[in-house]
Amino acid sequence: MSNITYHYADGTEKTVEVADGVSVMRAALSEGVPGIIGECGGQAMCATCHVLVRPEYLDALPPVSEDEDEMLDCTAVPRDDERSRLGCQIHVGAELPHIDVDVPERQR
């Protein structure tokens, strides 16, 4: 099992435990985490699962794909070139058993 902690601008947070291989977006939708919409269902085509990865986890992530990079230009809040990722493209598991992400104040 893996854990994902979602942090909000008001200082609150929510940690969920999920099976290995689950994406940050899918975990949020399954566990009722507010602030993540995931309109495209995880196809990297809508940017409504935009998250800001906490710096200590950045080196553990795979590189941003061309599709993800393009969608990150369409986020509702300004893109952070270092920390912005699509939650649908980040999967927890053996190599990344825990991750902390900041949820933007809006997705649309």
PDB file of N, CA and C in Angstrom:
ATOM      1  N   MET A   1       0.836  -1.186   0.000  1.00  0.00           N
ATOM      2  CA  MET A   1       0.000   0.000   0.000  1.00  0.00           C
ATOM      3  C   MET A   1       0.879   1.248   0.000  1.00  0.00           C
ATOM      4  N   SER A   2       0.342   2.307  -0.555  1.00  0.00           N
ATOM      5  CA  SER A   2       1.040   3.582  -0.644  1.00  0.00           C
ATOM      6  C   SER A   2       0.169   4.688  -0.068  1.00  0.00           C
ATOM      7  N   ASN A   3       0.773   5.845   0.192  1.00  0.00           N
ATOM      8  CA  ASN A   3       0.055   6.985   0.755  1.00  0.00           C
ATOM      9  C   ASN A   3       0.270   8.227  -0.094  1.00  0.00           C
ATOM     10  N   ILE A   4      -0.774   9.034  -0.181  1.00  0.00           N
ATOM     11  CA  ILE A   4      -0.698  10.328  -0.849  1.00  0.00           C
ATOM     12  C   ILE A   4      -1.288  11.351   0.107  1.00  0.00           C
ATOM     13  N   THR A   5      -0.566  12.447   0.317  1.00  0.00           N
ATOM     14  CA  THR A   5      -1.081  13.526   1.148  1.00  0.00           C
ATOM     15  C   THR A   5      -1.336  14.736   0.261  1.00  0.00           C
ATOM     16  N   TYR A   6      -2.569  15.209   0.303  1.00  0.00           N
ATOM     17  CA  TYR A   6      -3.012  16.381  -0.451  1.00  0.00           C
ATOM     18  C   TYR A   6      -3.065  17.558   0.515  1.00  0.00           C
ATOM     19  N   HIS A   7      -2.371  18.633   0.196  1.00  0.00           N
ATOM     20  CA  HIS A   7      -2.306  19.818   1.041  1.00  0.00           C
ATOM     21  C   HIS A   7      -3.094  20.948   0.384  1.00  0.00           C
ATOM     22  N   TYR A   8      -3.782  21.738   1.215  1.00  0.00           N
ATOM     23  CA  TYR A   8      -4.610  22.840   0.725  1.00  0.00           C
ATOM     24  C   TYR A   8      -4.076  24.175   1.207  1.00  0.00           C
ATOM     25  N   ALA A   9      -4.413  25.233   0.484  1.00  0.00           N
ATOM     26  CA  ALA A   9      -3.936  26.586   0.785  1.00  0.00           C
ATOM     27  C   ALA A   9      -4.318  27.038   2.188  1.00  0.00           C
ATOM     28  N   ASP A  10      -5.432  26.505   2.724  1.00  0.00           N
ATOM     29  CA  ASP A  10      -5.872  26.921   4.064  1.00  0.00           C
ATOM     30  C   ASP A  10      -5.134  26.190   5.190  1.00  0.00           C
ATOM     31  N   GLY A  11      -4.156  25.348   4.828  1.00  0.00           N
ATOM     32  CA  GLY A  11      -3.368  24.636   5.832  1.00  0.00           C
ATOM     33  C   GLY A  11      -3.874  23.246   6.171  1.00  0.00           C
ATOM     34  N   THR A  12      -5.038  22.869   5.654  1.00  0.00           N
ATOM     35  CA  THR A  12      -5.553  21.526   5.919  1.00  0.00           C
ATOM     36  C   THR A  12      -4.907  20.536   4.948  1.00  0.00           C
ATOM     37  N   GLU A  13      -5.023  19.285   5.284  1.00  0.00           N
ATOM     38  CA  GLU A  13      -4.485  18.231   4.437  1.00  0.00           C
ATOM     39  C   GLU A  13      -5.321  16.973   4.583  1.00  0.00           C
ATOM     40  N   LYS A  14      -5.201  16.110   3.588  1.00  0.00           N
ATOM     41  CA  LYS A  14      -5.887  14.823   3.637  1.00  0.00           C
ATOM     42  C   LYS A  14      -4.931  13.765   3.111  1.00  0.00           C
ATOM     43  N   THR A  15      -4.720  12.717   3.905  1.00  0.00           N
ATOM     44  CA  THR A  15      -3.867  11.603   3.502  1.00  0.00           C
ATOM     45  C   THR A  15      -4.749  10.402   3.209  1.00  0.00           C
ATOM     46  N   VAL A  16      -4.481   9.760   2.074  1.00  0.00           N
ATOM     47  CA  VAL A  16      -5.231   8.565   1.702  1.00  0.00           C
ATOM     48  C   VAL A  16      -4.253   7.420   1.476  1.00  0.00           C
ATOM     49  N   GLU A  17      -4.697   6.227   1.800  1.00  0.00           N
ATOM     50  CA  GLU A  17      -3.913   5.020   1.560  1.00  0.00           C
ATOM     51  C   GLU A  17      -4.525   4.316   0.354  1.00  0.00           C
ATOM     52  N   VAL A  18      -3.676   3.973  -0.608  1.00  0.00           N
ATOM     53  CA  VAL A  18      -4.162   3.364  -1.845  1.00  0.00           C
ATOM     54  C   VAL A  18      -3.250   2.210  -2.253  1.00  0.00           C
ATOM     55  N   ALA A  19      -3.755   1.390  -3.145  1.00  0.00           N
ATOM     56  CA  ALA A  19      -2.960   0.282  -3.673  1.00  0.00           C
ATOM     57  C   ALA A  19      -1.823   0.817  -4.530  1.00  0.00           C
ATOM     58  N   ASP A  20      -0.734   0.086  -4.573  1.00  0.00           N
ATOM     59  CA  ASP A  20       0.381   0.456  -5.440  1.00  0.00           C
ATOM     60  C   ASP A  20      -0.104   0.524  -6.891  1.00  0.00           C
ATOM     61  N   GLY A  21       0.434   1.477  -7.636  1.00  0.00           N
ATOM     62  CA  GLY A  21       0.078   1.637  -9.040  1.00  0.00           C
ATOM     63  C   GLY A  21      -1.020   2.644  -9.305  1.00  0.00           C
ATOM     64  N   VAL A  22      -1.647   3.153  -8.268  1.00  0.00           N
ATOM     65  CA  VAL A  22      -2.742   4.112  -8.416  1.00  0.00           C
ATOM     66  C   VAL A  22      -2.162   5.507  -8.633  1.00  0.00           C
ATOM     67  N   SER A  23      -2.819   6.284  -9.489  1.00  0.00           N
ATOM     68  CA  SER A  23      -2.350   7.640  -9.748  1.00  0.00           C
ATOM     69  C   SER A  23      -2.863   8.603  -8.680  1.00  0.00           C
ATOM     70  N   VAL A  24      -2.187   9.729  -8.567  1.00  0.00           N
ATOM     71  CA  VAL A  24      -2.600  10.783  -7.642  1.00  0.00           C
ATOM     72  C   VAL A  24      -4.023  11.250  -7.977  1.00  0.00           C
ATOM     73  N   MET A  25      -4.345  11.341  -9.257  1.00  0.00           N
ATOM     74  CA  MET A  25      -5.689  11.743  -9.689  1.00  0.00           C
ATOM     75  C   MET A  25      -6.731  10.691  -9.324  1.00  0.00           C
ATOM     76  N   ARG A  26      -6.479   9.444  -9.663  1.00  0.00           N
ATOM     77  CA  ARG A  26      -7.447   8.365  -9.416  1.00  0.00           C
ATOM     78  C   ARG A  26      -7.684   8.201  -7.917  1.00  0.00           C
ATOM     79  N   ALA A  27      -6.640   8.303  -7.112  1.00  0.00           N
ATOM     80  CA  ALA A  27      -6.783   8.198  -5.657  1.00  0.00           C
ATOM     81  C   ALA A  27      -7.685   9.311  -5.134  1.00  0.00           C
ATOM     82  N   ALA A  28      -7.487  10.525  -5.636  1.00  0.00           N
ATOM     83  CA  ALA A  28      -8.308  11.657  -5.193  1.00  0.00           C
ATOM     84  C   ALA A  28      -9.774  11.427  -5.529  1.00  0.00           C
ATOM     85  N   LEU A  29     -10.052  10.969  -6.730  1.00  0.00           N
ATOM     86  CA  LEU A  29     -11.442  10.736  -7.129  1.00  0.00           C
ATOM     87  C   LEU A  29     -12.065   9.593  -6.323  1.00  0.00           C
ATOM     88  N   SER A  30     -11.319   8.525  -6.119  1.00  0.00           N
ATOM     89  CA  SER A  30     -11.840   7.370  -5.379  1.00  0.00           C
ATOM     90  C   SER A  30     -12.077   7.661  -3.907  1.00  0.00           C
ATOM     91  N   GLU A  31     -11.251   8.527  -3.340  1.00  0.00           N
ATOM     92  CA  GLU A  31     -11.323   8.808  -1.906  1.00  0.00           C
ATOM     93  C   GLU A  31     -12.060  10.105  -1.570  1.00  0.00           C
ATOM     94  N   GLY A  32     -12.664  10.741  -2.568  1.00  0.00           N
ATOM     95  CA  GLY A  32     -13.436  11.955  -2.319  1.00  0.00           C
ATOM     96  C   GLY A  32     -12.592  13.150  -1.900  1.00  0.00           C
ATOM     97  N   VAL A  33     -11.383  13.239  -2.433  1.00  0.00           N
ATOM     98  CA  VAL A  33     -10.502  14.359  -2.122  1.00  0.00           C
ATOM     99  C   VAL A  33     -10.955  15.568  -2.936  1.00  0.00           C
ATOM    100  N   PRO A  34     -11.316  16.663  -2.277  1.00  0.00           N
ATOM    101  CA  PRO A  34     -11.760  17.838  -3.026  1.00  0.00           C
ATOM    102  C   PRO A  34     -10.614  18.516  -3.776  1.00  0.00           C
ATOM    103  N   GLY A  35     -10.950  19.189  -4.867  1.00  0.00           N
ATOM    104  CA  GLY A  35      -9.977  19.982  -5.597  1.00  0.00           C
ATOM    105  C   GLY A  35      -9.353  19.307  -6.792  1.00  0.00           C
ATOM    106  N   ILE A  36      -9.616  18.032  -6.976  1.00  0.00           N
ATOM    107  CA  ILE A  36      -9.111  17.300  -8.136  1.00  0.00           C
ATOM    108  C   ILE A  36     -10.332  16.844  -8.929  1.00  0.00           C
ATOM    109  N   ILE A  37     -10.394  17.222 -10.208  1.00  0.00           N
ATOM    110  CA  ILE A  37     -11.584  16.917 -11.015  1.00  0.00           C
ATOM    111  C   ILE A  37     -11.350  15.724 -11.938  1.00  0.00           C
ATOM    112  N   GLY A  38     -10.279  15.724 -12.682  1.00  0.00           N
ATOM    113  CA  GLY A  38      -9.957  14.602 -13.572  1.00  0.00           C
ATOM    114  C   GLY A  38     -10.977  14.380 -14.662  1.00  0.00           C
ATOM    115  N   GLU A  39     -11.377  15.439 -15.352  1.00  0.00           N
ATOM    116  CA  GLU A  39     -12.423  15.349 -16.385  1.00  0.00           C
ATOM    117  C   GLU A  39     -12.134  14.340 -17.486  1.00  0.00           C
ATOM    118  N   CYS A  40     -10.882  14.199 -17.892  1.00  0.00           N
ATOM    119  CA  CYS A  40     -10.567  13.312 -19.016  1.00  0.00           C
ATOM    120  C   CYS A  40     -10.321  11.871 -18.573  1.00  0.00           C
ATOM    121  N   GLY A  41     -10.413  11.621 -17.286  1.00  0.00           N
ATOM    122  CA  GLY A  41     -10.253  10.252 -16.791  1.00  0.00           C
ATOM    123  C   GLY A  41      -8.830   9.743 -16.760  1.00  0.00           C
ATOM    124  N   GLY A  42      -7.876  10.632 -16.860  1.00  0.00           N
ATOM    125  CA  GLY A  42      -6.483  10.215 -16.751  1.00  0.00           C
ATOM    126  C   GLY A  42      -5.747  10.110 -18.064  1.00  0.00           C
ATOM    127  N   GLN A  43      -6.232  10.772 -19.096  1.00  0.00           N
ATOM    128  CA  GLN A  43      -5.610  10.697 -20.419  1.00  0.00           C
ATOM    129  C   GLN A  43      -4.654  11.854 -20.719  1.00  0.00           C
ATOM    130  N   ALA A  44      -4.352  12.680 -19.721  1.00  0.00           N
ATOM    131  CA  ALA A  44      -3.475  13.845 -19.896  1.00  0.00           C
ATOM    132  C   ALA A  44      -4.000  14.781 -20.973  1.00  0.00           C
ATOM    133  N   MET A  45      -5.328  15.019 -20.941  1.00  0.00           N
ATOM    134  CA  MET A  45      -5.937  15.846 -21.967  1.00  0.00           C
ATOM    135  C   MET A  45      -6.790  16.986 -21.433  1.00  0.00           C
ATOM    136  N   CYS A  46      -6.727  17.254 -20.106  1.00  0.00           N
ATOM    137  CA  CYS A  46      -7.609  18.313 -19.610  1.00  0.00           C
ATOM    138  C   CYS A  46      -6.985  19.215 -18.550  1.00  0.00           C
ATOM    139  N   ALA A  47      -5.996  18.798 -17.856  1.00  0.00           N
ATOM    140  CA  ALA A  47      -5.300  19.577 -16.814  1.00  0.00           C
ATOM    141  C   ALA A  47      -6.160  19.863 -15.585  1.00  0.00           C
ATOM    142  N   THR A  48      -7.247  19.122 -15.378  1.00  0.00           N
ATOM    143  CA  THR A  48      -8.071  19.338 -14.179  1.00  0.00           C
ATOM    144  C   THR A  48      -7.647  18.448 -13.013  1.00  0.00           C
ATOM    145  N   CYS A  49      -6.466  17.862 -13.128  1.00  0.00           N
ATOM    146  CA  CYS A  49      -5.867  17.120 -12.006  1.00  0.00           C
ATOM    147  C   CYS A  49      -4.501  17.711 -11.678  1.00  0.00           C
ATOM    148  N   HIS A  50      -4.328  18.975 -12.023  1.00  0.00           N
ATOM    149  CA  HIS A  50      -3.073  19.689 -11.783  1.00  0.00           C
ATOM    150  C   HIS A  50      -2.748  19.685 -10.297  1.00  0.00           C
ATOM    151  N   VAL A  51      -1.521  19.316  -9.965  1.00  0.00           N
ATOM    152  CA  VAL A  51      -1.020  19.377  -8.583  1.00  0.00           C
ATOM    153  C   VAL A  51       0.373  19.979  -8.605  1.00  0.00           C
ATOM    154  N   LEU A  52       0.788  20.450  -7.455  1.00  0.00           N
ATOM    155  CA  LEU A  52       2.141  20.975  -7.275  1.00  0.00           C
ATOM    156  C   LEU A  52       2.869  20.019  -6.345  1.00  0.00           C
ATOM    157  N   VAL A  53       3.832  19.311  -6.886  1.00  0.00           N
ATOM    158  CA  VAL A  53       4.558  18.295  -6.129  1.00  0.00           C
ATOM    159  C   VAL A  53       5.514  18.985  -5.165  1.00  0.00           C
ATOM    160  N   ARG A  54       5.515  18.527  -3.917  1.00  0.00           N
ATOM    161  CA  ARG A  54       6.445  19.078  -2.928  1.00  0.00           C
ATOM    162  C   ARG A  54       7.873  18.774  -3.380  1.00  0.00           C
ATOM    163  N   PRO A  55       8.789  19.733  -3.196  1.00  0.00           N
ATOM    164  CA  PRO A  55      10.149  19.613  -3.748  1.00  0.00           C
ATOM    165  C   PRO A  55      10.895  18.321  -3.416  1.00  0.00           C
ATOM    166  N   GLU A  56      10.702  17.783  -2.233  1.00  0.00           N
ATOM    167  CA  GLU A  56      11.457  16.591  -1.843  1.00  0.00           C
ATOM    168  C   GLU A  56      11.091  15.337  -2.638  1.00  0.00           C
ATOM    169  N   TYR A  57      10.018  15.386  -3.433  1.00  0.00           N
ATOM    170  CA  TYR A  57       9.582  14.232  -4.221  1.00  0.00           C
ATOM    171  C   TYR A  57       9.886  14.374  -5.712  1.00  0.00           C
ATOM    172  N   LEU A  58      10.341  15.527  -6.144  1.00  0.00           N
ATOM    173  CA  LEU A  58      10.523  15.791  -7.570  1.00  0.00           C
ATOM    174  C   LEU A  58      11.495  14.826  -8.242  1.00  0.00           C
ATOM    175  N   ASP A  59      12.588  14.497  -7.588  1.00  0.00           N
ATOM    176  CA  ASP A  59      13.589  13.617  -8.206  1.00  0.00           C
ATOM    177  C   ASP A  59      13.097  12.184  -8.379  1.00  0.00           C
ATOM    178  N   ALA A  60      12.053  11.797  -7.677  1.00  0.00           N
ATOM    179  CA  ALA A  60      11.524  10.435  -7.769  1.00  0.00           C
ATOM    180  C   ALA A  60      10.526  10.263  -8.917  1.00  0.00           C
ATOM    181  N   LEU A  61      10.167  11.359  -9.584  1.00  0.00           N
ATOM    182  CA  LEU A  61       9.141  11.304 -10.629  1.00  0.00           C
ATOM    183  C   LEU A  61       9.747  11.057 -12.008  1.00  0.00           C
ATOM    184  N   PRO A  62       8.967  10.423 -12.881  1.00  0.00           N
ATOM    185  CA  PRO A  62       9.435  10.280 -14.266  1.00  0.00           C
ATOM    186  C   PRO A  62       9.407  11.655 -14.943  1.00  0.00           C
ATOM    187  N   PRO A  63      10.139  11.811 -16.031  1.00  0.00           N
ATOM    188  CA  PRO A  63      10.124  13.090 -16.743  1.00  0.00           C
ATOM    189  C   PRO A  63       8.723  13.436 -17.264  1.00  0.00           C
ATOM    190  N   VAL A  64       8.492  14.707 -17.456  1.00  0.00           N
ATOM    191  CA  VAL A  64       7.231  15.185 -18.026  1.00  0.00           C
ATOM    192  C   VAL A  64       7.207  14.819 -19.512  1.00  0.00           C
ATOM    193  N   SER A  65       6.119  14.172 -19.946  1.00  0.00           N
ATOM    194  CA  SER A  65       5.987  13.826 -21.364  1.00  0.00           C
ATOM    195  C   SER A  65       5.581  15.070 -22.163  1.00  0.00           C
ATOM    196  N   GLU A  66       5.660  14.984 -23.475  1.00  0.00           N
ATOM    197  CA  GLU A  66       5.236  16.104 -24.325  1.00  0.00           C
ATOM    198  C   GLU A  66       3.769  16.435 -24.110  1.00  0.00           C
ATOM    199  N   ASP A  67       2.911  15.413 -24.022  1.00  0.00           N
ATOM    200  CA  ASP A  67       1.479  15.642 -23.814  1.00  0.00           C
ATOM    201  C   ASP A  67       1.224  16.331 -22.477  1.00  0.00           C
ATOM    202  N   GLU A  68       1.889  15.848 -21.434  1.00  0.00           N
ATOM    203  CA  GLU A  68       1.712  16.454 -20.124  1.00  0.00           C
ATOM    204  C   GLU A  68       2.212  17.897 -20.132  1.00  0.00           C
ATOM    205  N   ASP A  69       3.345  18.134 -20.739  1.00  0.00           N
ATOM    206  CA  ASP A  69       3.909  19.474 -20.817  1.00  0.00           C
ATOM    207  C   ASP A  69       2.932  20.434 -21.504  1.00  0.00           C
ATOM    208  N   GLU A  70       2.336  19.983 -22.580  1.00  0.00           N
ATOM    209  CA  GLU A  70       1.367  20.805 -23.303  1.00  0.00           C
ATOM    210  C   GLU A  70       0.148  21.120 -22.435  1.00  0.00           C
ATOM    211  N   MET A  71      -0.359  20.131 -21.722  1.00  0.00           N
ATOM    212  CA  MET A  71      -1.529  20.346 -20.868  1.00  0.00           C
ATOM    213  C   MET A  71      -1.217  21.248 -19.682  1.00  0.00           C
ATOM    214  N   LEU A  72      -0.009  21.188 -19.181  1.00  0.00           N
ATOM    215  CA  LEU A  72       0.362  22.043 -18.048  1.00  0.00           C
ATOM    216  C   LEU A  72       0.338  23.530 -18.423  1.00  0.00           C
ATOM    217  N   ASP A  73       0.381  23.826 -19.717  1.00  0.00           N
ATOM    218  CA  ASP A  73       0.230  25.210 -20.163  1.00  0.00           C
ATOM    219  C   ASP A  73      -1.225  25.669 -20.101  1.00  0.00           C
ATOM    220  N   CYS A  74      -2.144  24.749 -19.824  1.00  0.00           N
ATOM    221  CA  CYS A  74      -3.583  25.055 -19.812  1.00  0.00           C
ATOM    222  C   CYS A  74      -4.188  25.024 -18.410  1.00  0.00           C
ATOM    223  N   THR A  75      -3.378  25.035 -17.383  1.00  0.00           N
ATOM    224  CA  THR A  75      -3.904  24.951 -16.020  1.00  0.00           C
ATOM    225  C   THR A  75      -4.629  26.229 -15.624  1.00  0.00           C
ATOM    226  N   ALA A  76      -5.575  26.102 -14.708  1.00  0.00           N
ATOM    227  CA  ALA A  76      -6.385  27.238 -14.270  1.00  0.00           C
ATOM    228  C   ALA A  76      -5.582  28.235 -13.436  1.00  0.00           C
ATOM    229  N   VAL A  77      -4.611  27.747 -12.698  1.00  0.00           N
ATOM    230  CA  VAL A  77      -3.706  28.627 -11.942  1.00  0.00           C
ATOM    231  C   VAL A  77      -2.361  28.602 -12.659  1.00  0.00           C
ATOM    232  N   PRO A  78      -1.557  29.619 -12.501  1.00  0.00           N
ATOM    233  CA  PRO A  78      -0.284  29.651 -13.216  1.00  0.00           C
ATOM    234  C   PRO A  78       0.571  28.406 -12.956  1.00  0.00           C
ATOM    235  N   ARG A  79       1.156  27.932 -14.013  1.00  0.00           N
ATOM    236  CA  ARG A  79       2.040  26.769 -13.958  1.00  0.00           C
ATOM    237  C   ARG A  79       3.322  27.125 -13.205  1.00  0.00           C
ATOM    238  N   ASP A  80       3.778  26.203 -12.379  1.00  0.00           N
ATOM    239  CA  ASP A  80       5.076  26.311 -11.729  1.00  0.00           C
ATOM    240  C   ASP A  80       5.990  25.349 -12.488  1.00  0.00           C
ATOM    241  N   ASP A  81       6.957  25.874 -13.212  1.00  0.00           N
ATOM    242  CA  ASP A  81       7.782  25.033 -14.086  1.00  0.00           C
ATOM    243  C   ASP A  81       8.505  23.907 -13.366  1.00  0.00           C
ATOM    244  N   GLU A  82       8.784  24.064 -12.093  1.00  0.00           N
ATOM    245  CA  GLU A  82       9.449  22.999 -11.341  1.00  0.00           C
ATOM    246  C   GLU A  82       8.465  22.001 -10.747  1.00  0.00           C
ATOM    247  N   ARG A  83       7.373  22.477 -10.156  1.00  0.00           N
ATOM    248  CA  ARG A  83       6.510  21.631  -9.328  1.00  0.00           C
ATOM    249  C   ARG A  83       5.217  21.175  -9.990  1.00  0.00           C
ATOM    250  N   SER A  84       4.766  21.829 -11.039  1.00  0.00           N
ATOM    251  CA  SER A  84       3.479  21.477 -11.650  1.00  0.00           C
ATOM    252  C   SER A  84       3.548  20.137 -12.376  1.00  0.00           C
ATOM    253  N   ARG A  85       2.573  19.285 -12.072  1.00  0.00           N
ATOM    254  CA  ARG A  85       2.427  17.998 -12.756  1.00  0.00           C
ATOM    255  C   ARG A  85       0.942  17.686 -12.857  1.00  0.00           C
ATOM    256  N   LEU A  86       0.595  16.802 -13.752  1.00  0.00           N
ATOM    257  CA  LEU A  86      -0.768  16.283 -13.820  1.00  0.00           C
ATOM    258  C   LEU A  86      -0.831  15.073 -12.900  1.00  0.00           C
ATOM    259  N   GLY A  87      -1.799  15.069 -12.004  1.00  0.00           N
ATOM    260  CA  GLY A  87      -1.945  13.972 -11.061  1.00  0.00           C
ATOM    261  C   GLY A  87      -2.168  12.626 -11.722  1.00  0.00           C
ATOM    262  N   CYS A  88      -2.728  12.641 -12.922  1.00  0.00           N
ATOM    263  CA  CYS A  88      -2.970  11.381 -13.636  1.00  0.00           C
ATOM    264  C   CYS A  88      -1.683  10.740 -14.125  1.00  0.00           C
ATOM    265  N   GLN A  89      -0.587  11.488 -14.137  1.00  0.00           N
ATOM    266  CA  GLN A  89       0.681  10.977 -14.644  1.00  0.00           C
ATOM    267  C   GLN A  89       1.650  10.568 -13.538  1.00  0.00           C
ATOM    268  N   ILE A  90       1.210  10.692 -12.295  1.00  0.00           N
ATOM    269  CA  ILE A  90       2.046  10.311 -11.147  1.00  0.00           C
ATOM    270  C   ILE A  90       1.414   9.097 -10.476  1.00  0.00           C
ATOM    271  N   HIS A  91       2.154   8.002 -10.424  1.00  0.00           N
ATOM    272  CA  HIS A  91       1.669   6.767  -9.807  1.00  0.00           C
ATOM    273  C   HIS A  91       2.530   6.424  -8.592  1.00  0.00           C
ATOM    274  N   VAL A  92       1.869   6.069  -7.504  1.00  0.00           N
ATOM    275  CA  VAL A  92       2.593   5.653  -6.306  1.00  0.00           C
ATOM    276  C   VAL A  92       2.840   4.152  -6.365  1.00  0.00           C
ATOM    277  N   GLY A  93       3.824   3.699  -5.610  1.00  0.00           N
ATOM    278  CA  GLY A  93       4.147   2.275  -5.599  1.00  0.00           C
ATOM    279  C   GLY A  93       5.501   2.042  -4.957  1.00  0.00           C
ATOM    280  N   ALA A  94       6.134   0.951  -5.316  1.00  0.00           N
ATOM    281  CA  ALA A  94       7.395   0.553  -4.689  1.00  0.00           C
ATOM    282  C   ALA A  94       8.466   1.635  -4.786  1.00  0.00           C
ATOM    283  N   GLU A  95       8.565   2.301  -5.930  1.00  0.00           N
ATOM    284  CA  GLU A  95       9.584   3.339  -6.104  1.00  0.00           C
ATOM    285  C   GLU A  95       9.159   4.681  -5.532  1.00  0.00           C
ATOM    286  N   LEU A  96       7.882   4.857  -5.301  1.00  0.00           N
ATOM    287  CA  LEU A  96       7.346   6.100  -4.739  1.00  0.00           C
ATOM    288  C   LEU A  96       6.192   5.730  -3.792  1.00  0.00           C
ATOM    289  N   PRO A  97       6.518   5.222  -2.594  1.00  0.00           N
ATOM    290  CA  PRO A  97       5.479   4.741  -1.684  1.00  0.00           C
ATOM    291  C   PRO A  97       4.668   5.852  -1.020  1.00  0.00           C
ATOM    292  N   HIS A  98       5.157   7.081  -1.080  1.00  0.00           N
ATOM    293  CA  HIS A  98       4.433   8.221  -0.511  1.00  0.00           C
ATOM    294  C   HIS A  98       4.785   9.465  -1.308  1.00  0.00           C
ATOM    295  N   ILE A  99       3.806  10.359  -1.437  1.00  0.00           N
ATOM    296  CA  ILE A  99       4.053  11.647  -2.072  1.00  0.00           C
ATOM    297  C   ILE A  99       3.157  12.691  -1.425  1.00  0.00           C
ATOM    298  N   ASP A 100       3.671  13.898  -1.327  1.00  0.00           N
ATOM    299  CA  ASP A 100       2.899  15.048  -0.845  1.00  0.00           C
ATOM    300  C   ASP A 100       2.724  16.013  -2.011  1.00  0.00           C
ATOM    301  N   VAL A 101       1.492  16.456  -2.218  1.00  0.00           N
ATOM    302  CA  VAL A 101       1.208  17.413  -3.288  1.00  0.00           C
ATOM    303  C   VAL A 101       0.341  18.537  -2.756  1.00  0.00           C
ATOM    304  N   ASP A 102       0.522  19.714  -3.326  1.00  0.00           N
ATOM    305  CA  ASP A 102      -0.343  20.843  -3.027  1.00  0.00           C
ATOM    306  C   ASP A 102      -1.413  20.914  -4.091  1.00  0.00           C
ATOM    307  N   VAL A 103      -2.657  21.097  -3.659  1.00  0.00           N
ATOM    308  CA  VAL A 103      -3.787  21.176  -4.578  1.00  0.00           C
ATOM    309  C   VAL A 103      -4.040  22.653  -4.881  1.00  0.00           C
ATOM    310  N   PRO A 104      -4.061  23.023  -6.169  1.00  0.00           N
ATOM    311  CA  PRO A 104      -4.342  24.409  -6.520  1.00  0.00           C
ATOM    312  C   PRO A 104      -5.726  24.847  -6.031  1.00  0.00           C
ATOM    313  N   GLU A 105      -5.893  26.141  -5.873  1.00  0.00           N
ATOM    314  CA  GLU A 105      -7.164  26.666  -5.366  1.00  0.00           C
ATOM    315  C   GLU A 105      -8.316  26.439  -6.330  1.00  0.00           C
ATOM    316  N   ARG A 106      -8.008  26.263  -7.624  1.00  0.00           N
ATOM    317  CA  ARG A 106      -9.059  25.943  -8.598  1.00  0.00           C
ATOM    318  C   ARG A 106      -8.464  25.155  -9.748  1.00  0.00           C
ATOM    319  N   GLN A 107      -9.329  24.423 -10.447  1.00  0.00           N
ATOM    320  CA  GLN A 107      -8.898  23.606 -11.586  1.00  0.00           C
ATOM    321  C   GLN A 107      -9.468  24.109 -12.905  1.00  0.00           C
ATOM    322  N   ARG A 108     -10.471  24.960 -12.884  1.00  0.00           N
ATOM    323  CA  ARG A 108     -11.068  25.455 -14.126  1.00  0.00           C
ATOM    324  C   ARG A 108     -11.076  26.947 -14.118  1.00  0.00           C
TER     325      ARG A 108
END
